mmCIF file of all heavy atoms, coordinates in Angstrom:
data_MODEL
# 
_entry.id   MODEL 
# 
loop_
_atom_site.group_PDB 
_atom_site.id 
_atom_site.type_symbol 
_atom_site.label_atom_id 
_atom_site.label_alt_id 
_atom_site.label_comp_id 
_atom_site.label_asym_id 
_atom_site.label_entity_id 
_atom_site.label_seq_id 
_atom_site.pdbx_PDB_ins_code 
_atom_site.Cartn_x 
_atom_site.Cartn_y 
_atom_site.Cartn_z 
_atom_site.occupancy 
_atom_site.B_iso_or_equiv 
_atom_site.pdbx_formal_charge 
_atom_site.auth_seq_id 
_atom_site.auth_comp_id 
_atom_site.auth_asym_id 
_atom_site.auth_atom_id 
_atom_site.pdbx_PDB_model_num 
ATOM 1   N N   . THR A 1 1  ? 282.678 -57.096 51.940 1.00 0.00 ? 1  THR A N   1 
ATOM 2   C CA  . THR A 1 1  ? 282.152 -57.543 53.222 1.00 0.00 ? 1  THR A CA  1 
ATOM 3   C C   . THR A 1 1  ? 283.245 -57.397 54.282 1.00 0.00 ? 1  THR A C   1 
ATOM 4   O O   . THR A 1 1  ? 284.417 -57.190 53.970 1.00 0.00 ? 1  THR A O   1 
ATOM 5   C CB  . THR A 1 1  ? 281.692 -59.010 53.159 1.00 0.00 ? 1  THR A CB  1 
ATOM 6   O OG1 . THR A 1 1  ? 282.802 -59.844 52.790 1.00 0.00 ? 1  THR A OG1 1 
ATOM 7   C CG2 . THR A 1 1  ? 280.555 -59.190 52.171 1.00 0.00 ? 1  THR A CG2 1 
ATOM 8   N N   . ALA A 1 2  ? 282.844 -57.508 55.547 1.00 0.00 ? 2  ALA A N   1 
ATOM 9   C CA  . ALA A 1 2  ? 283.776 -57.397 56.670 1.00 0.00 ? 2  ALA A CA  1 
ATOM 10  C C   . ALA A 1 2  ? 283.440 -58.469 57.691 1.00 0.00 ? 2  ALA A C   1 
ATOM 11  O O   . ALA A 1 2  ? 282.266 -58.732 57.957 1.00 0.00 ? 2  ALA A O   1 
ATOM 12  C CB  . ALA A 1 2  ? 283.692 -56.013 57.312 1.00 0.00 ? 2  ALA A CB  1 
ATOM 13  N N   . GLY A 1 3  ? 284.454 -59.075 58.253 1.00 0.00 ? 3  GLY A N   1 
ATOM 14  C CA  . GLY A 1 3  ? 284.226 -60.140 59.214 1.00 0.00 ? 3  GLY A CA  1 
ATOM 15  C C   . GLY A 1 3  ? 283.611 -59.651 60.509 1.00 0.00 ? 3  GLY A C   1 
ATOM 16  O O   . GLY A 1 3  ? 282.888 -60.389 61.186 1.00 0.00 ? 3  GLY A O   1 
ATOM 17  N N   . THR A 1 4  ? 283.896 -58.401 60.864 1.00 0.00 ? 4  THR A N   1 
ATOM 18  C CA  . THR A 1 4  ? 283.371 -57.827 62.107 1.00 0.00 ? 4  THR A CA  1 
ATOM 19  C C   . THR A 1 4  ? 282.959 -56.386 61.866 1.00 0.00 ? 4  THR A C   1 
ATOM 20  O O   . THR A 1 4  ? 283.687 -55.613 61.241 1.00 0.00 ? 4  THR A O   1 
ATOM 21  C CB  . THR A 1 4  ? 284.435 -57.846 63.218 1.00 0.00 ? 4  THR A CB  1 
ATOM 22  O OG1 . THR A 1 4  ? 284.949 -59.174 63.380 1.00 0.00 ? 4  THR A OG1 1 
ATOM 23  C CG2 . THR A 1 4  ? 283.846 -57.376 64.541 1.00 0.00 ? 4  THR A CG2 1 
ATOM 24  N N   . ILE A 1 5  ? 281.778 -56.032 62.352 1.00 0.00 ? 5  ILE A N   1 
ATOM 25  C CA  . ILE A 1 5  ? 281.337 -54.638 62.377 1.00 0.00 ? 5  ILE A CA  1 
ATOM 26  C C   . ILE A 1 5  ? 281.006 -54.302 63.824 1.00 0.00 ? 5  ILE A C   1 
ATOM 27  O O   . ILE A 1 5  ? 280.323 -55.074 64.504 1.00 0.00 ? 5  ILE A O   1 
ATOM 28  C CB  . ILE A 1 5  ? 280.133 -54.401 61.460 1.00 0.00 ? 5  ILE A CB  1 
ATOM 29  C CG1 . ILE A 1 5  ? 280.512 -54.700 60.003 1.00 0.00 ? 5  ILE A CG1 1 
ATOM 30  C CG2 . ILE A 1 5  ? 279.619 -52.969 61.587 1.00 0.00 ? 5  ILE A CG2 1 
ATOM 31  C CD1 . ILE A 1 5  ? 279.358 -54.542 59.009 1.00 0.00 ? 5  ILE A CD1 1 
ATOM 32  N N   . ILE A 1 6  ? 281.526 -53.169 64.299 1.00 0.00 ? 6  ILE A N   1 
ATOM 33  C CA  . ILE A 1 6  ? 281.285 -52.761 65.680 1.00 0.00 ? 6  ILE A CA  1 
ATOM 34  C C   . ILE A 1 6  ? 280.683 -51.356 65.692 1.00 0.00 ? 6  ILE A C   1 
ATOM 35  O O   . ILE A 1 6  ? 280.833 -50.584 64.749 1.00 0.00 ? 6  ILE A O   1 
ATOM 36  C CB  . ILE A 1 6  ? 282.574 -52.788 66.531 1.00 0.00 ? 6  ILE A CB  1 
ATOM 37  C CG1 . ILE A 1 6  ? 283.571 -51.722 66.049 1.00 0.00 ? 6  ILE A CG1 1 
ATOM 38  C CG2 . ILE A 1 6  ? 283.204 -54.177 66.515 1.00 0.00 ? 6  ILE A CG2 1 
ATOM 39  C CD1 . ILE A 1 6  ? 284.770 -51.548 66.961 1.00 0.00 ? 6  ILE A CD1 1 
ATOM 40  N N   . SER A 1 7  ? 280.010 -51.035 66.788 1.00 0.00 ? 7  SER A N   1 
ATOM 41  C CA  . SER A 1 7  ? 279.512 -49.678 67.014 1.00 0.00 ? 7  SER A CA  1 
ATOM 42  C C   . SER A 1 7  ? 279.336 -49.510 68.515 1.00 0.00 ? 7  SER A C   1 
ATOM 43  O O   . SER A 1 7  ? 278.494 -50.171 69.113 1.00 0.00 ? 7  SER A O   1 
ATOM 44  C CB  . SER A 1 7  ? 278.183 -49.446 66.284 1.00 0.00 ? 7  SER A CB  1 
ATOM 45  O OG  . SER A 1 7  ? 277.755 -48.110 66.454 1.00 0.00 ? 7  SER A OG  1 
ATOM 46  N N   . VAL A 1 8  ? 280.148 -48.648 69.112 1.00 0.00 ? 8  VAL A N   1 
ATOM 47  C CA  . VAL A 1 8  ? 280.122 -48.504 70.563 1.00 0.00 ? 8  VAL A CA  1 
ATOM 48  C C   . VAL A 1 8  ? 279.881 -47.046 70.954 1.00 0.00 ? 8  VAL A C   1 
ATOM 49  O O   . VAL A 1 8  ? 279.705 -46.183 70.109 1.00 0.00 ? 8  VAL A O   1 
ATOM 50  C CB  . VAL A 1 8  ? 281.427 -49.028 71.202 1.00 0.00 ? 8  VAL A CB  1 
ATOM 51  C CG1 . VAL A 1 8  ? 281.601 -50.506 70.923 1.00 0.00 ? 8  VAL A CG1 1 
ATOM 52  C CG2 . VAL A 1 8  ? 282.628 -48.242 70.711 1.00 0.00 ? 8  VAL A CG2 1 
ATOM 53  N N   . CYS A 1 9  ? 279.893 -46.813 72.266 1.00 0.00 ? 9  CYS A N   1 
ATOM 54  C CA  . CYS A 1 9  ? 279.654 -45.473 72.827 1.00 0.00 ? 9  CYS A CA  1 
ATOM 55  C C   . CYS A 1 9  ? 278.274 -44.963 72.398 1.00 0.00 ? 9  CYS A C   1 
ATOM 56  O O   . CYS A 1 9  ? 278.110 -43.811 72.015 1.00 0.00 ? 9  CYS A O   1 
ATOM 57  C CB  . CYS A 1 9  ? 280.755 -44.500 72.430 1.00 0.00 ? 9  CYS A CB  1 
ATOM 58  S SG  . CYS A 1 9  ? 280.988 -43.147 73.608 1.00 0.00 ? 9  CYS A SG  1 
ATOM 59  N N   . ASP A 1 10 ? 277.276 -45.850 72.463 1.00 0.00 ? 10 ASP A N   1 
ATOM 60  C CA  . ASP A 1 10 ? 275.855 -45.583 72.211 1.00 0.00 ? 10 ASP A CA  1 
ATOM 61  C C   . ASP A 1 10 ? 275.570 -44.862 70.893 1.00 0.00 ? 10 ASP A C   1 
ATOM 62  O O   . ASP A 1 10 ? 274.616 -44.088 70.800 1.00 0.00 ? 10 ASP A O   1 
ATOM 63  C CB  . ASP A 1 10 ? 275.202 -44.828 73.397 1.00 0.00 ? 10 ASP A CB  1 
ATOM 64  C CG  . ASP A 1 10 ? 275.967 -43.602 73.880 1.00 0.00 ? 10 ASP A CG  1 
ATOM 65  O OD1 . ASP A 1 10 ? 275.863 -42.533 73.237 1.00 0.00 ? 10 ASP A OD1 1 
ATOM 66  O OD2 . ASP A 1 10 ? 276.672 -43.715 74.888 1.00 0.00 ? 10 ASP A OD2 1 
ATOM 67  N N   . SER A 1 11 ? 276.348 -45.130 69.872 1.00 0.00 ? 11 SER A N   1 
ATOM 68  C CA  . SER A 1 11 ? 276.106 -44.486 68.575 1.00 0.00 ? 11 SER A CA  1 
ATOM 69  C C   . SER A 1 11 ? 274.725 -44.816 68.010 1.00 0.00 ? 11 SER A C   1 
ATOM 70  O O   . SER A 1 11 ? 274.077 -43.954 67.397 1.00 0.00 ? 11 SER A O   1 
ATOM 71  C CB  . SER A 1 11 ? 277.184 -44.915 67.574 1.00 0.00 ? 11 SER A CB  1 
ATOM 72  O OG  . SER A 1 11 ? 278.447 -44.412 67.935 1.00 0.00 ? 11 SER A OG  1 
ATOM 73  N N   . VAL A 1 12 ? 274.258 -46.058 68.202 1.00 0.00 ? 12 VAL A N   1 
ATOM 74  C CA  . VAL A 1 12 ? 272.976 -46.439 67.609 1.00 0.00 ? 12 VAL A CA  1 
ATOM 75  C C   . VAL A 1 12 ? 271.809 -45.722 68.275 1.00 0.00 ? 12 VAL A C   1 
ATOM 76  O O   . VAL A 1 12 ? 270.713 -45.647 67.694 1.00 0.00 ? 12 VAL A O   1 
ATOM 77  C CB  . VAL A 1 12 ? 272.755 -47.973 67.662 1.00 0.00 ? 12 VAL A CB  1 
ATOM 78  C CG1 . VAL A 1 12 ? 273.862 -48.704 66.917 1.00 0.00 ? 12 VAL A CG1 1 
ATOM 79  C CG2 . VAL A 1 12 ? 272.620 -48.473 69.087 1.00 0.00 ? 12 VAL A CG2 1 
ATOM 80  N N   . ASN A 1 13 ? 272.010 -45.168 69.474 1.00 0.00 ? 13 ASN A N   1 
ATOM 81  C CA  . ASN A 1 13 ? 270.929 -44.426 70.126 1.00 0.00 ? 13 ASN A CA  1 
ATOM 82  C C   . ASN A 1 13 ? 270.584 -43.134 69.396 1.00 0.00 ? 13 ASN A C   1 
ATOM 83  O O   . ASN A 1 13 ? 269.534 -42.533 69.643 1.00 0.00 ? 13 ASN A O   1 
ATOM 84  C CB  . ASN A 1 13 ? 271.278 -44.112 71.579 1.00 0.00 ? 13 ASN A CB  1 
ATOM 85  C CG  . ASN A 1 13 ? 271.260 -45.331 72.479 1.00 0.00 ? 13 ASN A CG  1 
ATOM 86  O OD1 . ASN A 1 13 ? 272.306 -45.898 72.780 1.00 0.00 ? 13 ASN A OD1 1 
ATOM 87  N ND2 . ASN A 1 13 ? 270.074 -45.746 72.906 1.00 0.00 ? 13 ASN A ND2 1 
ATOM 88  N N   . TYR A 1 14 ? 271.477 -42.684 68.507 1.00 0.00 ? 14 TYR A N   1 
ATOM 89  C CA  . TYR A 1 14 ? 271.176 -41.492 67.713 1.00 0.00 ? 14 TYR A CA  1 
ATOM 90  C C   . TYR A 1 14 ? 270.144 -41.774 66.626 1.00 0.00 ? 14 TYR A C   1 
ATOM 91  O O   . TYR A 1 14 ? 269.637 -40.841 65.993 1.00 0.00 ? 14 TYR A O   1 
ATOM 92  C CB  . TYR A 1 14 ? 272.455 -40.933 67.085 1.00 0.00 ? 14 TYR A CB  1 
ATOM 93  C CG  . TYR A 1 14 ? 273.259 -40.091 68.052 1.00 0.00 ? 14 TYR A CG  1 
ATOM 94  C CD1 . TYR A 1 14 ? 274.339 -40.630 68.737 1.00 0.00 ? 14 TYR A CD1 1 
ATOM 95  C CD2 . TYR A 1 14 ? 272.925 -38.758 68.287 1.00 0.00 ? 14 TYR A CD2 1 
ATOM 96  C CE1 . TYR A 1 14 ? 275.075 -39.867 69.637 1.00 0.00 ? 14 TYR A CE1 1 
ATOM 97  C CE2 . TYR A 1 14 ? 273.647 -37.984 69.179 1.00 0.00 ? 14 TYR A CE2 1 
ATOM 98  C CZ  . TYR A 1 14 ? 274.722 -38.535 69.854 1.00 0.00 ? 14 TYR A CZ  1 
ATOM 99  O OH  . TYR A 1 14 ? 275.438 -37.778 70.742 1.00 0.00 ? 14 TYR A OH  1 
ATOM 100 N N   . LEU A 1 15 ? 269.838 -43.041 66.384 1.00 0.00 ? 15 LEU A N   1 
ATOM 101 C CA  . LEU A 1 15 ? 268.774 -43.391 65.449 1.00 0.00 ? 15 LEU A CA  1 
ATOM 102 C C   . LEU A 1 15 ? 267.455 -43.346 66.217 1.00 0.00 ? 15 LEU A C   1 
ATOM 103 O O   . LEU A 1 15 ? 267.206 -44.174 67.092 1.00 0.00 ? 15 LEU A O   1 
ATOM 104 C CB  . LEU A 1 15 ? 269.025 -44.778 64.859 1.00 0.00 ? 15 LEU A CB  1 
ATOM 105 C CG  . LEU A 1 15 ? 270.345 -44.922 64.082 1.00 0.00 ? 15 LEU A CG  1 
ATOM 106 C CD1 . LEU A 1 15 ? 270.488 -46.330 63.538 1.00 0.00 ? 15 LEU A CD1 1 
ATOM 107 C CD2 . LEU A 1 15 ? 270.436 -43.903 62.961 1.00 0.00 ? 15 LEU A CD2 1 
ATOM 108 N N   . LEU A 1 16 ? 266.619 -42.376 65.900 1.00 0.00 ? 16 LEU A N   1 
ATOM 109 C CA  . LEU A 1 16 ? 265.445 -42.073 66.716 1.00 0.00 ? 16 LEU A CA  1 
ATOM 110 C C   . LEU A 1 16 ? 264.201 -42.854 66.314 1.00 0.00 ? 16 LEU A C   1 
ATOM 111 O O   . LEU A 1 16 ? 263.235 -42.887 67.063 1.00 0.00 ? 16 LEU A O   1 
ATOM 112 C CB  . LEU A 1 16 ? 265.142 -40.568 66.660 1.00 0.00 ? 16 LEU A CB  1 
ATOM 113 C CG  . LEU A 1 16 ? 266.303 -39.640 67.050 1.00 0.00 ? 16 LEU A CG  1 
ATOM 114 C CD1 . LEU A 1 16 ? 265.848 -38.191 67.021 1.00 0.00 ? 16 LEU A CD1 1 
ATOM 115 C CD2 . LEU A 1 16 ? 266.868 -40.001 68.418 1.00 0.00 ? 16 LEU A CD2 1 
ATOM 116 N N   . GLU A 1 17 ? 264.228 -43.457 65.134 1.00 0.00 ? 17 GLU A N   1 
ATOM 117 C CA  . GLU A 1 17 ? 263.089 -44.236 64.667 1.00 0.00 ? 17 GLU A CA  1 
ATOM 118 C C   . GLU A 1 17 ? 263.481 -45.706 64.567 1.00 0.00 ? 17 GLU A C   1 
ATOM 119 O O   . GLU A 1 17 ? 264.563 -46.038 64.076 1.00 0.00 ? 17 GLU A O   1 
ATOM 120 C CB  . GLU A 1 17 ? 262.609 -43.736 63.296 1.00 0.00 ? 17 GLU A CB  1 
ATOM 121 C CG  . GLU A 1 17 ? 262.171 -42.278 63.273 1.00 0.00 ? 17 GLU A CG  1 
ATOM 122 C CD  . GLU A 1 17 ? 260.928 -42.038 64.098 1.00 0.00 ? 17 GLU A CD  1 
ATOM 123 O OE1 . GLU A 1 17 ? 260.144 -43.001 64.288 1.00 0.00 ? 17 GLU A OE1 1 
ATOM 124 O OE2 . GLU A 1 17 ? 260.725 -40.882 64.541 1.00 0.00 ? 17 GLU A OE2 1 
ATOM 125 N N   . LYS A 1 18 ? 262.589 -46.575 64.989 1.00 0.00 ? 18 LYS A N   1 
ATOM 126 C CA  . LYS A 1 18 ? 262.889 -48.005 64.959 1.00 0.00 ? 18 LYS A CA  1 
ATOM 127 C C   . LYS A 1 18 ? 263.173 -48.495 63.542 1.00 0.00 ? 18 LYS A C   1 
ATOM 128 O O   . LYS A 1 18 ? 264.044 -49.347 63.344 1.00 0.00 ? 18 LYS A O   1 
ATOM 129 C CB  . LYS A 1 18 ? 261.730 -48.797 65.573 1.00 0.00 ? 18 LYS A CB  1 
ATOM 130 C CG  . LYS A 1 18 ? 261.577 -48.594 67.080 1.00 0.00 ? 18 LYS A CG  1 
ATOM 131 C CD  . LYS A 1 18 ? 260.437 -49.436 67.635 1.00 0.00 ? 18 LYS A CD  1 
ATOM 132 C CE  . LYS A 1 18 ? 260.287 -49.224 69.139 1.00 0.00 ? 18 LYS A CE  1 
ATOM 133 N NZ  . LYS A 1 18 ? 259.175 -50.021 69.706 1.00 0.00 ? 18 LYS A NZ  1 
ATOM 134 N N   . GLU A 1 19 ? 262.452 -47.961 62.558 1.00 0.00 ? 19 GLU A N   1 
ATOM 135 C CA  . GLU A 1 19 ? 262.670 -48.407 61.183 1.00 0.00 ? 19 GLU A CA  1 
ATOM 136 C C   . GLU A 1 19 ? 264.059 -48.020 60.686 1.00 0.00 ? 19 GLU A C   1 
ATOM 137 O O   . GLU A 1 19 ? 264.656 -48.737 59.883 1.00 0.00 ? 19 GLU A O   1 
ATOM 138 C CB  . GLU A 1 19 ? 261.591 -47.842 60.262 1.00 0.00 ? 19 GLU A CB  1 
ATOM 139 C CG  . GLU A 1 19 ? 260.213 -48.469 60.464 1.00 0.00 ? 19 GLU A CG  1 
ATOM 140 C CD  . GLU A 1 19 ? 260.240 -49.992 60.364 1.00 0.00 ? 19 GLU A CD  1 
ATOM 141 O OE1 . GLU A 1 19 ? 260.886 -50.508 59.420 1.00 0.00 ? 19 GLU A OE1 1 
ATOM 142 O OE2 . GLU A 1 19 ? 259.634 -50.651 61.222 1.00 0.00 ? 19 GLU A OE2 1 
ATOM 143 N N   . GLU A 1 20 ? 264.586 -46.874 61.164 1.00 0.00 ? 20 GLU A N   1 
ATOM 144 C CA  . GLU A 1 20 ? 265.948 -46.494 60.810 1.00 0.00 ? 20 GLU A CA  1 
ATOM 145 C C   . GLU A 1 20 ? 266.943 -47.494 61.381 1.00 0.00 ? 20 GLU A C   1 
ATOM 146 O O   . GLU A 1 20 ? 267.938 -47.851 60.730 1.00 0.00 ? 20 GLU A O   1 
ATOM 147 C CB  . GLU A 1 20 ? 266.267 -45.102 61.347 1.00 0.00 ? 20 GLU A CB  1 
ATOM 148 C CG  . GLU A 1 20 ? 265.537 -43.962 60.674 1.00 0.00 ? 20 GLU A CG  1 
ATOM 149 C CD  . GLU A 1 20 ? 265.953 -42.614 61.225 1.00 0.00 ? 20 GLU A CD  1 
ATOM 150 O OE1 . GLU A 1 20 ? 266.250 -42.518 62.433 1.00 0.00 ? 20 GLU A OE1 1 
ATOM 151 O OE2 . GLU A 1 20 ? 266.003 -41.648 60.442 1.00 0.00 ? 20 GLU A OE2 1 
ATOM 152 N N   . LEU A 1 21 ? 266.672 -47.932 62.595 1.00 0.00 ? 21 LEU A N   1 
ATOM 153 C CA  . LEU A 1 21 ? 267.555 -48.898 63.231 1.00 0.00 ? 21 LEU A CA  1 
ATOM 154 C C   . LEU A 1 21 ? 267.511 -50.237 62.510 1.00 0.00 ? 21 LEU A C   1 
ATOM 155 O O   . LEU A 1 21 ? 268.550 -50.855 62.246 1.00 0.00 ? 21 LEU A O   1 
ATOM 156 C CB  . LEU A 1 21 ? 267.150 -49.057 64.700 1.00 0.00 ? 21 LEU A CB  1 
ATOM 157 C CG  . LEU A 1 21 ? 268.215 -49.507 65.697 1.00 0.00 ? 21 LEU A CG  1 
ATOM 158 C CD1 . LEU A 1 21 ? 269.454 -48.644 65.605 1.00 0.00 ? 21 LEU A CD1 1 
ATOM 159 C CD2 . LEU A 1 21 ? 267.655 -49.480 67.113 1.00 0.00 ? 21 LEU A CD2 1 
ATOM 160 N N   . VAL A 1 22 ? 266.314 -50.689 62.161 1.00 0.00 ? 22 VAL A N   1 
ATOM 161 C CA  . VAL A 1 22 ? 266.174 -51.959 61.444 1.00 0.00 ? 22 VAL A CA  1 
ATOM 162 C C   . VAL A 1 22 ? 266.892 -51.902 60.102 1.00 0.00 ? 22 VAL A C   1 
ATOM 163 O O   . VAL A 1 22 ? 267.618 -52.831 59.726 1.00 0.00 ? 22 VAL A O   1 
ATOM 164 C CB  . VAL A 1 22 ? 264.687 -52.311 61.245 1.00 0.00 ? 22 VAL A CB  1 
ATOM 165 C CG1 . VAL A 1 22 ? 264.543 -53.524 60.317 1.00 0.00 ? 22 VAL A CG1 1 
ATOM 166 C CG2 . VAL A 1 22 ? 264.023 -52.608 62.587 1.00 0.00 ? 22 VAL A CG2 1 
ATOM 167 N N   . GLU A 1 23 ? 266.741 -50.786 59.371 1.00 0.00 ? 23 GLU A N   1 
ATOM 168 C CA  . GLU A 1 23 ? 267.390 -50.657 58.073 1.00 0.00 ? 23 GLU A CA  1 
ATOM 169 C C   . GLU A 1 23 ? 268.911 -50.637 58.221 1.00 0.00 ? 23 GLU A C   1 
ATOM 170 O O   . GLU A 1 23 ? 269.634 -51.234 57.413 1.00 0.00 ? 23 GLU A O   1 
ATOM 171 C CB  . GLU A 1 23 ? 266.922 -49.393 57.363 1.00 0.00 ? 23 GLU A CB  1 
ATOM 172 C CG  . GLU A 1 23 ? 267.553 -49.163 55.997 1.00 0.00 ? 23 GLU A CG  1 
ATOM 173 C CD  . GLU A 1 23 ? 267.338 -50.316 55.035 1.00 0.00 ? 23 GLU A CD  1 
ATOM 174 O OE1 . GLU A 1 23 ? 266.300 -51.035 55.158 1.00 0.00 ? 23 GLU A OE1 1 
ATOM 175 O OE2 . GLU A 1 23 ? 268.192 -50.526 54.154 1.00 0.00 ? 23 GLU A OE2 1 
ATOM 176 N N   . THR A 1 24 ? 269.406 -49.964 59.251 1.00 0.00 ? 24 THR A N   1 
ATOM 177 C CA  . THR A 1 24 ? 270.852 -49.959 59.505 1.00 0.00 ? 24 THR A CA  1 
ATOM 178 C C   . THR A 1 24 ? 271.345 -51.369 59.797 1.00 0.00 ? 24 THR A C   1 
ATOM 179 O O   . THR A 1 24 ? 272.389 -51.801 59.283 1.00 0.00 ? 24 THR A O   1 
ATOM 180 C CB  . THR A 1 24 ? 271.185 -49.029 60.682 1.00 0.00 ? 24 THR A CB  1 
ATOM 181 O OG1 . THR A 1 24 ? 270.780 -47.689 60.353 1.00 0.00 ? 24 THR A OG1 1 
ATOM 182 C CG2 . THR A 1 24 ? 272.674 -49.039 60.989 1.00 0.00 ? 24 THR A CG2 1 
ATOM 183 N N   . PHE A 1 25 ? 270.600 -52.109 60.616 1.00 0.00 ? 25 PHE A N   1 
ATOM 184 C CA  . PHE A 1 25 ? 270.982 -53.488 60.924 1.00 0.00 ? 25 PHE A CA  1 
ATOM 185 C C   . PHE A 1 25 ? 270.939 -54.363 59.675 1.00 0.00 ? 25 PHE A C   1 
ATOM 186 O O   . PHE A 1 25 ? 271.765 -55.272 59.518 1.00 0.00 ? 25 PHE A O   1 
ATOM 187 C CB  . PHE A 1 25 ? 270.061 -54.060 61.997 1.00 0.00 ? 25 PHE A CB  1 
ATOM 188 C CG  . PHE A 1 25 ? 270.237 -53.463 63.369 1.00 0.00 ? 25 PHE A CG  1 
ATOM 189 C CD1 . PHE A 1 25 ? 269.292 -53.686 64.365 1.00 0.00 ? 25 PHE A CD1 1 
ATOM 190 C CD2 . PHE A 1 25 ? 271.338 -52.684 63.674 1.00 0.00 ? 25 PHE A CD2 1 
ATOM 191 C CE1 . PHE A 1 25 ? 269.457 -53.150 65.628 1.00 0.00 ? 25 PHE A CE1 1 
ATOM 192 C CE2 . PHE A 1 25 ? 271.507 -52.134 64.937 1.00 0.00 ? 25 PHE A CE2 1 
ATOM 193 C CZ  . PHE A 1 25 ? 270.563 -52.370 65.911 1.00 0.00 ? 25 PHE A CZ  1 
ATOM 194 N N   . ARG A 1 26 ? 269.993 -54.107 58.774 1.00 0.00 ? 26 ARG A N   1 
ATOM 195 C CA  . ARG A 1 26 ? 269.928 -54.875 57.528 1.00 0.00 ? 26 ARG A CA  1 
ATOM 196 C C   . ARG A 1 26 ? 271.166 -54.622 56.672 1.00 0.00 ? 26 ARG A C   1 
ATOM 197 O O   . ARG A 1 26 ? 271.723 -55.538 56.054 1.00 0.00 ? 26 ARG A O   1 
ATOM 198 C CB  . ARG A 1 26 ? 268.666 -54.506 56.749 1.00 0.00 ? 26 ARG A CB  1 
ATOM 199 C CG  . ARG A 1 26 ? 267.397 -55.130 57.306 1.00 0.00 ? 26 ARG A CG  1 
ATOM 200 C CD  . ARG A 1 26 ? 266.173 -54.654 56.562 1.00 0.00 ? 26 ARG A CD  1 
ATOM 201 N NE  . ARG A 1 26 ? 264.966 -55.326 57.062 1.00 0.00 ? 26 ARG A NE  1 
ATOM 202 C CZ  . ARG A 1 26 ? 263.751 -54.806 57.016 1.00 0.00 ? 26 ARG A CZ  1 
ATOM 203 N NH1 . ARG A 1 26 ? 263.572 -53.605 56.467 1.00 0.00 ? 26 ARG A NH1 1 
ATOM 204 N NH2 . ARG A 1 26 ? 262.713 -55.470 57.483 1.00 0.00 ? 26 ARG A NH2 1 
ATOM 205 N N   . LEU A 1 27 ? 271.589 -53.361 56.636 1.00 0.00 ? 27 LEU A N   1 
ATOM 206 C CA  . LEU A 1 27 ? 272.801 -53.037 55.889 1.00 0.00 ? 27 LEU A CA  1 
ATOM 207 C C   . LEU A 1 27 ? 274.018 -53.709 56.511 1.00 0.00 ? 27 LEU A C   1 
ATOM 208 O O   . LEU A 1 27 ? 274.890 -54.217 55.810 1.00 0.00 ? 27 LEU A O   1 
ATOM 209 C CB  . LEU A 1 27 ? 272.991 -51.516 55.851 1.00 0.00 ? 27 LEU A CB  1 
ATOM 210 C CG  . LEU A 1 27 ? 272.025 -50.741 54.954 1.00 0.00 ? 27 LEU A CG  1 
ATOM 211 C CD1 . LEU A 1 27 ? 272.156 -49.242 55.196 1.00 0.00 ? 27 LEU A CD1 1 
ATOM 212 C CD2 . LEU A 1 27 ? 272.281 -51.067 53.482 1.00 0.00 ? 27 LEU A CD2 1 
# 
């Protein structure tokens, strides 16, 4: 596990489907 996870410079916008985004957030 990690105490902090970050993602900047609009990396998450490359996920084009909402379900992909939800699954990434679950991970």
